[in-house]
Amino acid sequence: MMRLMTDRLPIDEILTRFASLLPEGTAVLREDLKKNLKSALGATLSRMDLVTREEFDVQAALLSRTRARLEAMDKRLAALEEALRTERAPPARSTPAQT
């Protein structure tokens, strides 16, 4: 079965595949290489400012709710400003009645 490119492979599976490219007679070297690569990759990833998918999804939902609230407040502010402008507008002048 072929994996889609968007599917994430666990680090262990990637390292196992990489180590399997080494010749058969190098089992000790394979395991040593796998362990060292895992350690180096783990250290590199820990220095990066990464978040889990769950944390990302929580923040995306929070941002979406915040954006919706901001849009609602923008509409409310525009309505209040319009009401204030209407309230302060000078009354329309009427022409004096001619008799």
PDB file of N, CA and C in Angstrom:
ATOM      1  N   MET A   1       0.840  -1.176   0.000  1.00  0.00           N
ATOM      2  CA  MET A   1       0.000   0.000   0.000  1.00  0.00           C
ATOM      3  C   MET A   1       0.891   1.248   0.000  1.00  0.00           C
ATOM      4  N   MET A   2       0.610   2.200  -0.844  1.00  0.00           N
ATOM      5  CA  MET A   2       1.419   3.402  -0.957  1.00  0.00           C
ATOM      6  C   MET A   2       0.887   4.488  -0.018  1.00  0.00           C
ATOM      7  N   ARG A   3       1.789   5.128   0.680  1.00  0.00           N
ATOM      8  CA  ARG A   3       1.400   6.225   1.571  1.00  0.00           C
ATOM      9  C   ARG A   3       1.332   7.510   0.768  1.00  0.00           C
ATOM     10  N   LEU A   4       0.390   8.373   1.154  1.00  0.00           N
ATOM     11  CA  LEU A   4       0.339   9.693   0.545  1.00  0.00           C
ATOM     12  C   LEU A   4       1.472  10.527   1.102  1.00  0.00           C
ATOM     13  N   MET A   5       1.912  11.517   0.353  1.00  0.00           N
ATOM     14  CA  MET A   5       3.016  12.353   0.817  1.00  0.00           C
ATOM     15  C   MET A   5       2.638  13.136   2.061  1.00  0.00           C
ATOM     16  N   THR A   6       1.335  13.388   2.245  1.00  0.00           N
ATOM     17  CA  THR A   6       0.911  14.162   3.404  1.00  0.00           C
ATOM     18  C   THR A   6       0.906  13.329   4.674  1.00  0.00           C
ATOM     19  N   ASP A   7       0.960  12.013   4.531  1.00  0.00           N
ATOM     20  CA  ASP A   7       1.014  11.154   5.718  1.00  0.00           C
ATOM     21  C   ASP A   7       2.364  11.320   6.395  1.00  0.00           C
ATOM     22  N   ARG A   8       2.349  11.387   7.697  1.00  0.00           N
ATOM     23  CA  ARG A   8       3.605  11.526   8.447  1.00  0.00           C
ATOM     24  C   ARG A   8       4.079  10.145   8.875  1.00  0.00           C
ATOM     25  N   LEU A   9       5.355   9.871   8.625  1.00  0.00           N
ATOM     26  CA  LEU A   9       5.944   8.617   9.070  1.00  0.00           C
ATOM     27  C   LEU A   9       6.565   8.837  10.437  1.00  0.00           C
ATOM     28  N   PRO A  10       6.364   7.909  11.364  1.00  0.00           N
ATOM     29  CA  PRO A  10       7.037   8.045  12.653  1.00  0.00           C
ATOM     30  C   PRO A  10       8.553   8.012  12.459  1.00  0.00           C
ATOM     31  N   ILE A  11       9.257   8.702  13.322  1.00  0.00           N
ATOM     32  CA  ILE A  11      10.717   8.784  13.221  1.00  0.00           C
ATOM     33  C   ILE A  11      11.348   7.401  13.223  1.00  0.00           C
ATOM     34  N   ASP A  12      10.867   6.522  14.091  1.00  0.00           N
ATOM     35  CA  ASP A  12      11.445   5.174  14.151  1.00  0.00           C
ATOM     36  C   ASP A  12      11.322   4.445  12.816  1.00  0.00           C
ATOM     37  N   GLU A  13      10.200   4.599  12.151  1.00  0.00           N
ATOM     38  CA  GLU A  13      10.009   3.917  10.870  1.00  0.00           C
ATOM     39  C   GLU A  13      10.956   4.494   9.816  1.00  0.00           C
ATOM     40  N   ILE A  14      11.136   5.789   9.817  1.00  0.00           N
ATOM     41  CA  ILE A  14      12.058   6.419   8.870  1.00  0.00           C
ATOM     42  C   ILE A  14      13.478   5.919   9.112  1.00  0.00           C
ATOM     43  N   LEU A  15      13.884   5.896  10.376  1.00  0.00           N
ATOM     44  CA  LEU A  15      15.237   5.445  10.709  1.00  0.00           C
ATOM     45  C   LEU A  15      15.438   3.975  10.370  1.00  0.00           C
ATOM     46  N   THR A  16      14.417   3.161  10.596  1.00  0.00           N
ATOM     47  CA  THR A  16      14.509   1.738  10.261  1.00  0.00           C
ATOM     48  C   THR A  16      14.681   1.564   8.751  1.00  0.00           C
ATOM     49  N   ARG A  17      13.923   2.332   7.987  1.00  0.00           N
ATOM     50  CA  ARG A  17      14.062   2.248   6.528  1.00  0.00           C
ATOM     51  C   ARG A  17      15.454   2.698   6.084  1.00  0.00           C
ATOM     52  N   PHE A  18      15.928   3.768   6.691  1.00  0.00           N
ATOM     53  CA  PHE A  18      17.262   4.264   6.358  1.00  0.00           C
ATOM     54  C   PHE A  18      18.322   3.220   6.700  1.00  0.00           C
ATOM     55  N   ALA A  19      18.227   2.632   7.890  1.00  0.00           N
ATOM     56  CA  ALA A  19      19.206   1.636   8.327  1.00  0.00           C
ATOM     57  C   ALA A  19      19.140   0.382   7.461  1.00  0.00           C
ATOM     58  N   SER A  20      17.978   0.065   6.921  1.00  0.00           N
ATOM     59  CA  SER A  20      17.844  -1.138   6.097  1.00  0.00           C
ATOM     60  C   SER A  20      18.590  -1.010   4.767  1.00  0.00           C
ATOM     61  N   LEU A  21      19.007   0.190   4.432  1.00  0.00           N
ATOM     62  CA  LEU A  21      19.773   0.386   3.193  1.00  0.00           C
ATOM     63  C   LEU A  21      21.222  -0.077   3.337  1.00  0.00           C
ATOM     64  N   LEU A  22      21.661  -0.272   4.583  1.00  0.00           N
ATOM     65  CA  LEU A  22      23.024  -0.744   4.818  1.00  0.00           C
ATOM     66  C   LEU A  22      23.127  -2.236   4.506  1.00  0.00           C
ATOM     67  N   PRO A  23      24.307  -2.715   4.175  1.00  0.00           N
ATOM     68  CA  PRO A  23      24.483  -4.146   3.872  1.00  0.00           C
ATOM     69  C   PRO A  23      24.069  -5.024   5.060  1.00  0.00           C
ATOM     70  N   GLU A  24      23.677  -6.254   4.749  1.00  0.00           N
ATOM     71  CA  GLU A  24      23.172  -7.207   5.748  1.00  0.00           C
ATOM     72  C   GLU A  24      24.156  -7.504   6.866  1.00  0.00           C
ATOM     73  N   GLY A  25      25.423  -7.568   6.608  1.00  0.00           N
ATOM     74  CA  GLY A  25      26.403  -7.969   7.613  1.00  0.00           C
ATOM     75  C   GLY A  25      26.728  -6.884   8.624  1.00  0.00           C
ATOM     76  N   THR A  26      26.006  -5.803   8.617  1.00  0.00           N
ATOM     77  CA  THR A  26      26.341  -4.680   9.492  1.00  0.00           C
ATOM     78  C   THR A  26      25.226  -4.413  10.516  1.00  0.00           C
ATOM     79  N   ALA A  27      24.721  -5.450  11.135  1.00  0.00           N
ATOM     80  CA  ALA A  27      23.607  -5.312  12.076  1.00  0.00           C
ATOM     81  C   ALA A  27      23.962  -4.396  13.246  1.00  0.00           C
ATOM     82  N   VAL A  28      25.166  -4.548  13.786  1.00  0.00           N
ATOM     83  CA  VAL A  28      25.592  -3.710  14.912  1.00  0.00           C
ATOM     84  C   VAL A  28      25.707  -2.262  14.459  1.00  0.00           C
ATOM     85  N   LEU A  29      26.297  -2.074  13.290  1.00  0.00           N
ATOM     86  CA  LEU A  29      26.433  -0.731  12.735  1.00  0.00           C
ATOM     87  C   LEU A  29      25.064  -0.116  12.475  1.00  0.00           C
ATOM     88  N   ARG A  30      24.132  -0.938  11.986  1.00  0.00           N
ATOM     89  CA  ARG A  30      22.767  -0.473  11.738  1.00  0.00           C
ATOM     90  C   ARG A  30      22.138   0.100  13.003  1.00  0.00           C
ATOM     91  N   GLU A  31      22.183  -0.698  14.055  1.00  0.00           N
ATOM     92  CA  GLU A  31      21.557  -0.268  15.309  1.00  0.00           C
ATOM     93  C   GLU A  31      22.250   0.959  15.885  1.00  0.00           C
ATOM     94  N   ASP A  32      23.577   0.997  15.794  1.00  0.00           N
ATOM     95  CA  ASP A  32      24.334   2.146  16.283  1.00  0.00           C
ATOM     96  C   ASP A  32      23.978   3.398  15.484  1.00  0.00           C
ATOM     97  N   LEU A  33      23.925   3.242  14.160  1.00  0.00           N
ATOM     98  CA  LEU A  33      23.574   4.364  13.284  1.00  0.00           C
ATOM     99  C   LEU A  33      22.144   4.836  13.573  1.00  0.00           C
ATOM    100  N   LYS A  34      21.244   3.890  13.738  1.00  0.00           N
ATOM    101  CA  LYS A  34      19.847   4.225  14.021  1.00  0.00           C
ATOM    102  C   LYS A  34      19.735   5.002  15.331  1.00  0.00           C
ATOM    103  N   LYS A  35      20.447   4.526  16.354  1.00  0.00           N
ATOM    104  CA  LYS A  35      20.409   5.185  17.663  1.00  0.00           C
ATOM    105  C   LYS A  35      20.996   6.597  17.581  1.00  0.00           C
ATOM    106  N   ASN A  36      22.135   6.745  16.889  1.00  0.00           N
ATOM    107  CA  ASN A  36      22.781   8.059  16.765  1.00  0.00           C
ATOM    108  C   ASN A  36      21.940   9.033  15.938  1.00  0.00           C
ATOM    109  N   LEU A  37      21.369   8.539  14.853  1.00  0.00           N
ATOM    110  CA  LEU A  37      20.518   9.404  14.031  1.00  0.00           C
ATOM    111  C   LEU A  37      19.277   9.858  14.802  1.00  0.00           C
ATOM    112  N   LYS A  38      18.711   8.925  15.560  1.00  0.00           N
ATOM    113  CA  LYS A  38      17.521   9.275  16.350  1.00  0.00           C
ATOM    114  C   LYS A  38      17.867  10.343  17.379  1.00  0.00           C
ATOM    115  N   SER A  39      18.992  10.195  18.012  1.00  0.00           N
ATOM    116  CA  SER A  39      19.431  11.166  19.007  1.00  0.00           C
ATOM    117  C   SER A  39      19.677  12.531  18.366  1.00  0.00           C
ATOM    118  N   ALA A  40      20.374  12.534  17.230  1.00  0.00           N
ATOM    119  CA  ALA A  40      20.674  13.796  16.542  1.00  0.00           C
ATOM    120  C   ALA A  40      19.397  14.455  16.038  1.00  0.00           C
ATOM    121  N   LEU A  41      18.505  13.671  15.486  1.00  0.00           N
ATOM    122  CA  LEU A  41      17.246  14.210  14.984  1.00  0.00           C
ATOM    123  C   LEU A  41      16.396  14.748  16.136  1.00  0.00           C
ATOM    124  N   GLY A  42      16.354  14.015  17.230  1.00  0.00           N
ATOM    125  CA  GLY A  42      15.609  14.469  18.412  1.00  0.00           C
ATOM    126  C   GLY A  42      16.156  15.773  18.962  1.00  0.00           C
ATOM    127  N   ALA A  43      17.478  15.900  19.008  1.00  0.00           N
ATOM    128  CA  ALA A  43      18.108  17.137  19.496  1.00  0.00           C
ATOM    129  C   ALA A  43      17.794  18.307  18.567  1.00  0.00           C
ATOM    130  N   THR A  44      17.838  18.054  17.266  1.00  0.00           N
ATOM    131  CA  THR A  44      17.541  19.116  16.295  1.00  0.00           C
ATOM    132  C   THR A  44      16.086  19.554  16.408  1.00  0.00           C
ATOM    133  N   LEU A  45      15.190  18.603  16.496  1.00  0.00           N
ATOM    134  CA  LEU A  45      13.764  18.936  16.604  1.00  0.00           C
ATOM    135  C   LEU A  45      13.437  19.660  17.906  1.00  0.00           C
ATOM    136  N   SER A  46      14.139  19.308  18.983  1.00  0.00           N
ATOM    137  CA  SER A  46      13.857  19.949  20.270  1.00  0.00           C
ATOM    138  C   SER A  46      14.309  21.408  20.273  1.00  0.00           C
ATOM    139  N   ARG A  47      15.297  21.749  19.445  1.00  0.00           N
ATOM    140  CA  ARG A  47      15.745  23.141  19.351  1.00  0.00           C
ATOM    141  C   ARG A  47      14.799  23.987  18.513  1.00  0.00           C
ATOM    142  N   MET A  48      13.980  23.338  17.716  1.00  0.00           N
ATOM    143  CA  MET A  48      13.041  24.072  16.870  1.00  0.00           C
ATOM    144  C   MET A  48      11.816  24.456  17.690  1.00  0.00           C
ATOM    145  N   ASP A  49      11.182  25.526  17.297  1.00  0.00           N
ATOM    146  CA  ASP A  49       9.997  26.006  18.001  1.00  0.00           C
ATOM    147  C   ASP A  49       8.767  25.351  17.368  1.00  0.00           C
ATOM    148  N   LEU A  50       8.554  24.071  17.682  1.00  0.00           N
ATOM    149  CA  LEU A  50       7.467  23.304  17.090  1.00  0.00           C
ATOM    150  C   LEU A  50       6.359  23.066  18.100  1.00  0.00           C
ATOM    151  N   VAL A  51       5.152  22.871  17.597  1.00  0.00           N
ATOM    152  CA  VAL A  51       4.027  22.518  18.454  1.00  0.00           C
ATOM    153  C   VAL A  51       3.409  21.228  17.918  1.00  0.00           C
ATOM    154  N   THR A  52       2.664  20.562  18.773  1.00  0.00           N
ATOM    155  CA  THR A  52       1.984  19.350  18.329  1.00  0.00           C
ATOM    156  C   THR A  52       0.788  19.746  17.467  1.00  0.00           C
ATOM    157  N   ARG A  53       0.272  18.805  16.733  1.00  0.00           N
ATOM    158  CA  ARG A  53      -0.898  19.062  15.886  1.00  0.00           C
ATOM    159  C   ARG A  53      -2.080  19.470  16.765  1.00  0.00           C
ATOM    160  N   GLU A  54      -2.208  18.824  17.923  1.00  0.00           N
ATOM    161  CA  GLU A  54      -3.303  19.140  18.842  1.00  0.00           C
ATOM    162  C   GLU A  54      -3.209  20.595  19.315  1.00  0.00           C
ATOM    163  N   GLU A  55      -2.015  21.037  19.693  1.00  0.00           N
ATOM    164  CA  GLU A  55      -1.826  22.428  20.122  1.00  0.00           C
ATOM    165  C   GLU A  55      -2.136  23.392  18.979  1.00  0.00           C
ATOM    166  N   PHE A  56      -1.708  23.031  17.776  1.00  0.00           N
ATOM    167  CA  PHE A  56      -1.983  23.871  16.612  1.00  0.00           C
ATOM    168  C   PHE A  56      -3.481  23.988  16.375  1.00  0.00           C
ATOM    169  N   ASP A  57      -4.199  22.861  16.437  1.00  0.00           N
ATOM    170  CA  ASP A  57      -5.640  22.873  16.212  1.00  0.00           C
ATOM    171  C   ASP A  57      -6.370  23.697  17.267  1.00  0.00           C
ATOM    172  N   VAL A  58      -5.930  23.599  18.532  1.00  0.00           N
ATOM    173  CA  VAL A  58      -6.537  24.392  19.602  1.00  0.00           C
ATOM    174  C   VAL A  58      -6.337  25.881  19.328  1.00  0.00           C
ATOM    175  N   GLN A  59      -5.130  26.266  18.958  1.00  0.00           N
ATOM    176  CA  GLN A  59      -4.844  27.681  18.687  1.00  0.00           C
ATOM    177  C   GLN A  59      -5.593  28.172  17.440  1.00  0.00           C
ATOM    178  N   ALA A  60      -5.722  27.326  16.432  1.00  0.00           N
ATOM    179  CA  ALA A  60      -6.465  27.706  15.221  1.00  0.00           C
ATOM    180  C   ALA A  60      -7.939  27.932  15.550  1.00  0.00           C
ATOM    181  N   ALA A  61      -8.515  27.076  16.401  1.00  0.00           N
ATOM    182  CA  ALA A  61      -9.916  27.254  16.805  1.00  0.00           C
ATOM    183  C   ALA A  61     -10.078  28.534  17.622  1.00  0.00           C
ATOM    184  N   LEU A  62      -9.137  28.791  18.516  1.00  0.00           N
ATOM    185  CA  LEU A  62      -9.180  30.011  19.320  1.00  0.00           C
ATOM    186  C   LEU A  62      -9.087  31.245  18.422  1.00  0.00           C
ATOM    187  N   LEU A  63      -8.208  31.211  17.453  1.00  0.00           N
ATOM    188  CA  LEU A  63      -8.067  32.324  16.522  1.00  0.00           C
ATOM    189  C   LEU A  63      -9.350  32.530  15.721  1.00  0.00           C
ATOM    190  N   SER A  64      -9.969  31.470  15.304  1.00  0.00           N
ATOM    191  CA  SER A  64     -11.216  31.562  14.543  1.00  0.00           C
ATOM    192  C   SER A  64     -12.319  32.210  15.379  1.00  0.00           C
ATOM    193  N   ARG A  65     -12.456  31.784  16.635  1.00  0.00           N
ATOM    194  CA  ARG A  65     -13.463  32.388  17.527  1.00  0.00           C
ATOM    195  C   ARG A  65     -13.154  33.860  17.780  1.00  0.00           C
ATOM    196  N   THR A  66     -11.883  34.174  17.975  1.00  0.00           N
ATOM    197  CA  THR A  66     -11.478  35.559  18.223  1.00  0.00           C
ATOM    198  C   THR A  66     -11.761  36.422  17.005  1.00  0.00           C
ATOM    199  N   ARG A  67     -11.478  35.904  15.836  1.00  0.00           N
ATOM    200  CA  ARG A  67     -11.742  36.648  14.600  1.00  0.00           C
ATOM    201  C   ARG A  67     -13.241  36.921  14.451  1.00  0.00           C
ATOM    202  N   ALA A  68     -14.072  35.929  14.747  1.00  0.00           N
ATOM    203  CA  ALA A  68     -15.528  36.107  14.658  1.00  0.00           C
ATOM    204  C   ALA A  68     -16.003  37.167  15.648  1.00  0.00           C
ATOM    205  N   ARG A  69     -15.482  37.136  16.862  1.00  0.00           N
ATOM    206  CA  ARG A  69     -15.857  38.146  17.858  1.00  0.00           C
ATOM    207  C   ARG A  69     -15.411  39.531  17.424  1.00  0.00           C
ATOM    208  N   LEU A  70     -14.222  39.651  16.854  1.00  0.00           N
ATOM    209  CA  LEU A  70     -13.722  40.940  16.380  1.00  0.00           C
ATOM    210  C   LEU A  70     -14.605  41.493  15.266  1.00  0.00           C
ATOM    211  N   GLU A  71     -15.008  40.639  14.330  1.00  0.00           N
ATOM    212  CA  GLU A  71     -15.886  41.078  13.250  1.00  0.00           C
ATOM    213  C   GLU A  71     -17.229  41.554  13.806  1.00  0.00           C
ATOM    214  N   ALA A  72     -17.763  40.834  14.797  1.00  0.00           N
ATOM    215  CA  ALA A  72     -19.026  41.247  15.411  1.00  0.00           C
ATOM    216  C   ALA A  72     -18.863  42.590  16.118  1.00  0.00           C
ATOM    217  N   MET A  73     -17.755  42.793  16.812  1.00  0.00           N
ATOM    218  CA  MET A  73     -17.518  44.067  17.483  1.00  0.00           C
ATOM    219  C   MET A  73     -17.336  45.199  16.488  1.00  0.00           C
ATOM    220  N   ASP A  74     -16.671  44.927  15.360  1.00  0.00           N
ATOM    221  CA  ASP A  74     -16.517  45.940  14.317  1.00  0.00           C
ATOM    222  C   ASP A  74     -17.881  46.397  13.805  1.00  0.00           C
ATOM    223  N   LYS A  75     -18.775  45.447  13.568  1.00  0.00           N
ATOM    224  CA  LYS A  75     -20.123  45.787  13.100  1.00  0.00           C
ATOM    225  C   LYS A  75     -20.877  46.595  14.160  1.00  0.00           C
ATOM    226  N   ARG A  76     -20.761  46.176  15.390  1.00  0.00           N
ATOM    227  CA  ARG A  76     -21.448  46.883  16.477  1.00  0.00           C
ATOM    228  C   ARG A  76     -20.907  48.311  16.617  1.00  0.00           C
ATOM    229  N   LEU A  77     -19.602  48.471  16.539  1.00  0.00           N
ATOM    230  CA  LEU A  77     -18.987  49.800  16.631  1.00  0.00           C
ATOM    231  C   LEU A  77     -19.453  50.680  15.476  1.00  0.00           C
ATOM    232  N   ALA A  78     -19.495  50.136  14.270  1.00  0.00           N
ATOM    233  CA  ALA A  78     -19.956  50.916  13.117  1.00  0.00           C
ATOM    234  C   ALA A  78     -21.398  51.366  13.318  1.00  0.00           C
ATOM    235  N   ALA A  79     -22.244  50.489  13.857  1.00  0.00           N
ATOM    236  CA  ALA A  79     -23.647  50.846  14.108  1.00  0.00           C
ATOM    237  C   ALA A  79     -23.742  51.927  15.175  1.00  0.00           C
ATOM    238  N   LEU A  80     -22.947  51.822  16.235  1.00  0.00           N
ATOM    239  CA  LEU A  80     -22.955  52.833  17.295  1.00  0.00           C
ATOM    240  C   LEU A  80     -22.452  54.178  16.771  1.00  0.00           C
ATOM    241  N   GLU A  81     -21.403  54.166  15.964  1.00  0.00           N
ATOM    242  CA  GLU A  81     -20.891  55.407  15.387  1.00  0.00           C
ATOM    243  C   GLU A  81     -21.929  56.060  14.482  1.00  0.00           C
ATOM    244  N   GLU A  82     -22.623  55.259  13.693  1.00  0.00           N
ATOM    245  CA  GLU A  82     -23.663  55.791  12.816  1.00  0.00           C
ATOM    246  C   GLU A  82     -24.803  56.387  13.635  1.00  0.00           C
ATOM    247  N   ALA A  83     -25.191  55.712  14.707  1.00  0.00           N
ATOM    248  CA  ALA A  83     -26.260  56.234  15.575  1.00  0.00           C
ATOM    249  C   ALA A  83     -25.823  57.549  16.213  1.00  0.00           C
ATOM    250  N   LEU A  84     -24.591  57.642  16.618  1.00  0.00           N
ATOM    251  CA  LEU A  84     -24.071  58.864  17.224  1.00  0.00           C
ATOM    252  C   LEU A  84     -24.047  60.001  16.205  1.00  0.00           C
ATOM    253  N   ARG A  85     -23.634  59.713  14.984  1.00  0.00           N
ATOM    254  CA  ARG A  85     -23.616  60.729  13.926  1.00  0.00           C
ATOM    255  C   ARG A  85     -25.027  61.227  13.638  1.00  0.00           C
ATOM    256  N   THR A  86     -25.972  60.317  13.587  1.00  0.00           N
ATOM    257  CA  THR A  86     -27.361  60.669  13.309  1.00  0.00           C
ATOM    258  C   THR A  86     -27.924  61.521  14.441  1.00  0.00           C
ATOM    259  N   GLU A  87     -27.577  61.174  15.664  1.00  0.00           N
ATOM    260  CA  GLU A  87     -28.061  61.896  16.841  1.00  0.00           C
ATOM    261  C   GLU A  87     -27.503  63.317  16.887  1.00  0.00           C
ATOM    262  N   ARG A  88     -26.268  63.502  16.481  1.00  0.00           N
ATOM    263  CA  ARG A  88     -25.609  64.808  16.545  1.00  0.00           C
ATOM    264  C   ARG A  88     -25.849  65.671  15.308  1.00  0.00           C
ATOM    265  N   ALA A  89     -26.394  65.101  14.285  1.00  0.00           N
ATOM    266  CA  ALA A  89     -26.586  65.851  13.043  1.00  0.00           C
ATOM    267  C   ALA A  89     -27.554  67.006  13.298  1.00  0.00           C
ATOM    268  N   PRO A  90     -27.245  68.194  12.749  1.00  0.00           N
ATOM    269  CA  PRO A  90     -28.162  69.335  12.947  1.00  0.00           C
ATOM    270  C   PRO A  90     -29.474  69.045  12.228  1.00  0.00           C
ATOM    271  N   PRO A  91     -30.564  69.571  12.790  1.00  0.00           N
ATOM    272  CA  PRO A  91     -31.853  69.328  12.150  1.00  0.00           C
ATOM    273  C   PRO A  91     -31.866  69.980  10.751  1.00  0.00           C
ATOM    274  N   ALA A  92     -32.602  69.416   9.895  1.00  0.00           N
ATOM    275  CA  ALA A  92     -32.684  69.932   8.528  1.00  0.00           C
ATOM    276  C   ALA A  92     -33.367  71.289   8.572  1.00  0.00           C
ATOM    277  N   ARG A  93     -32.842  72.230   7.823  1.00  0.00           N
ATOM    278  CA  ARG A  93     -33.422  73.577   7.782  1.00  0.00           C
ATOM    279  C   ARG A  93     -34.670  73.550   6.935  1.00  0.00           C
ATOM    280  N   SER A  94     -35.634  74.273   7.447  1.00  0.00           N
ATOM    281  CA  SER A  94     -36.855  74.390   6.644  1.00  0.00           C
ATOM    282  C   SER A  94     -36.940  75.827   6.168  1.00  0.00           C
ATOM    283  N   THR A  95     -37.453  76.006   5.020  1.00  0.00           N
ATOM    284  CA  THR A  95     -37.593  77.363   4.500  1.00  0.00           C
ATOM    285  C   THR A  95     -38.785  78.039   5.169  1.00  0.00           C
ATOM    286  N   PRO A  96     -38.655  79.337   5.471  1.00  0.00           N
ATOM    287  CA  PRO A  96     -39.783  80.013   6.141  1.00  0.00           C
ATOM    288  C   PRO A  96     -41.004  80.022   5.236  1.00  0.00           C
ATOM    289  N   ALA A  97     -42.121  79.863   5.868  1.00  0.00           N
ATOM    290  CA  ALA A  97     -43.386  79.854   5.114  1.00  0.00           C
ATOM    291  C   ALA A  97     -43.694  81.261   4.633  1.00  0.00           C
ATOM    292  N   GLN A  98     -44.073  81.351   3.422  1.00  0.00           N
ATOM    293  CA  GLN A  98     -44.404  82.668   2.886  1.00  0.00           C
ATOM    294  C   GLN A  98     -45.914  82.885   3.006  1.00  0.00           C
ATOM    295  N   THR A  99     -46.246  84.026   3.480  1.00  0.00           N
ATOM    296  CA  THR A  99     -47.653  84.372   3.630  1.00  0.00           C
ATOM    297  C   THR A  99     -48.030  85.558   2.831  1.00  0.00           C
TER     298      THR A  99
END
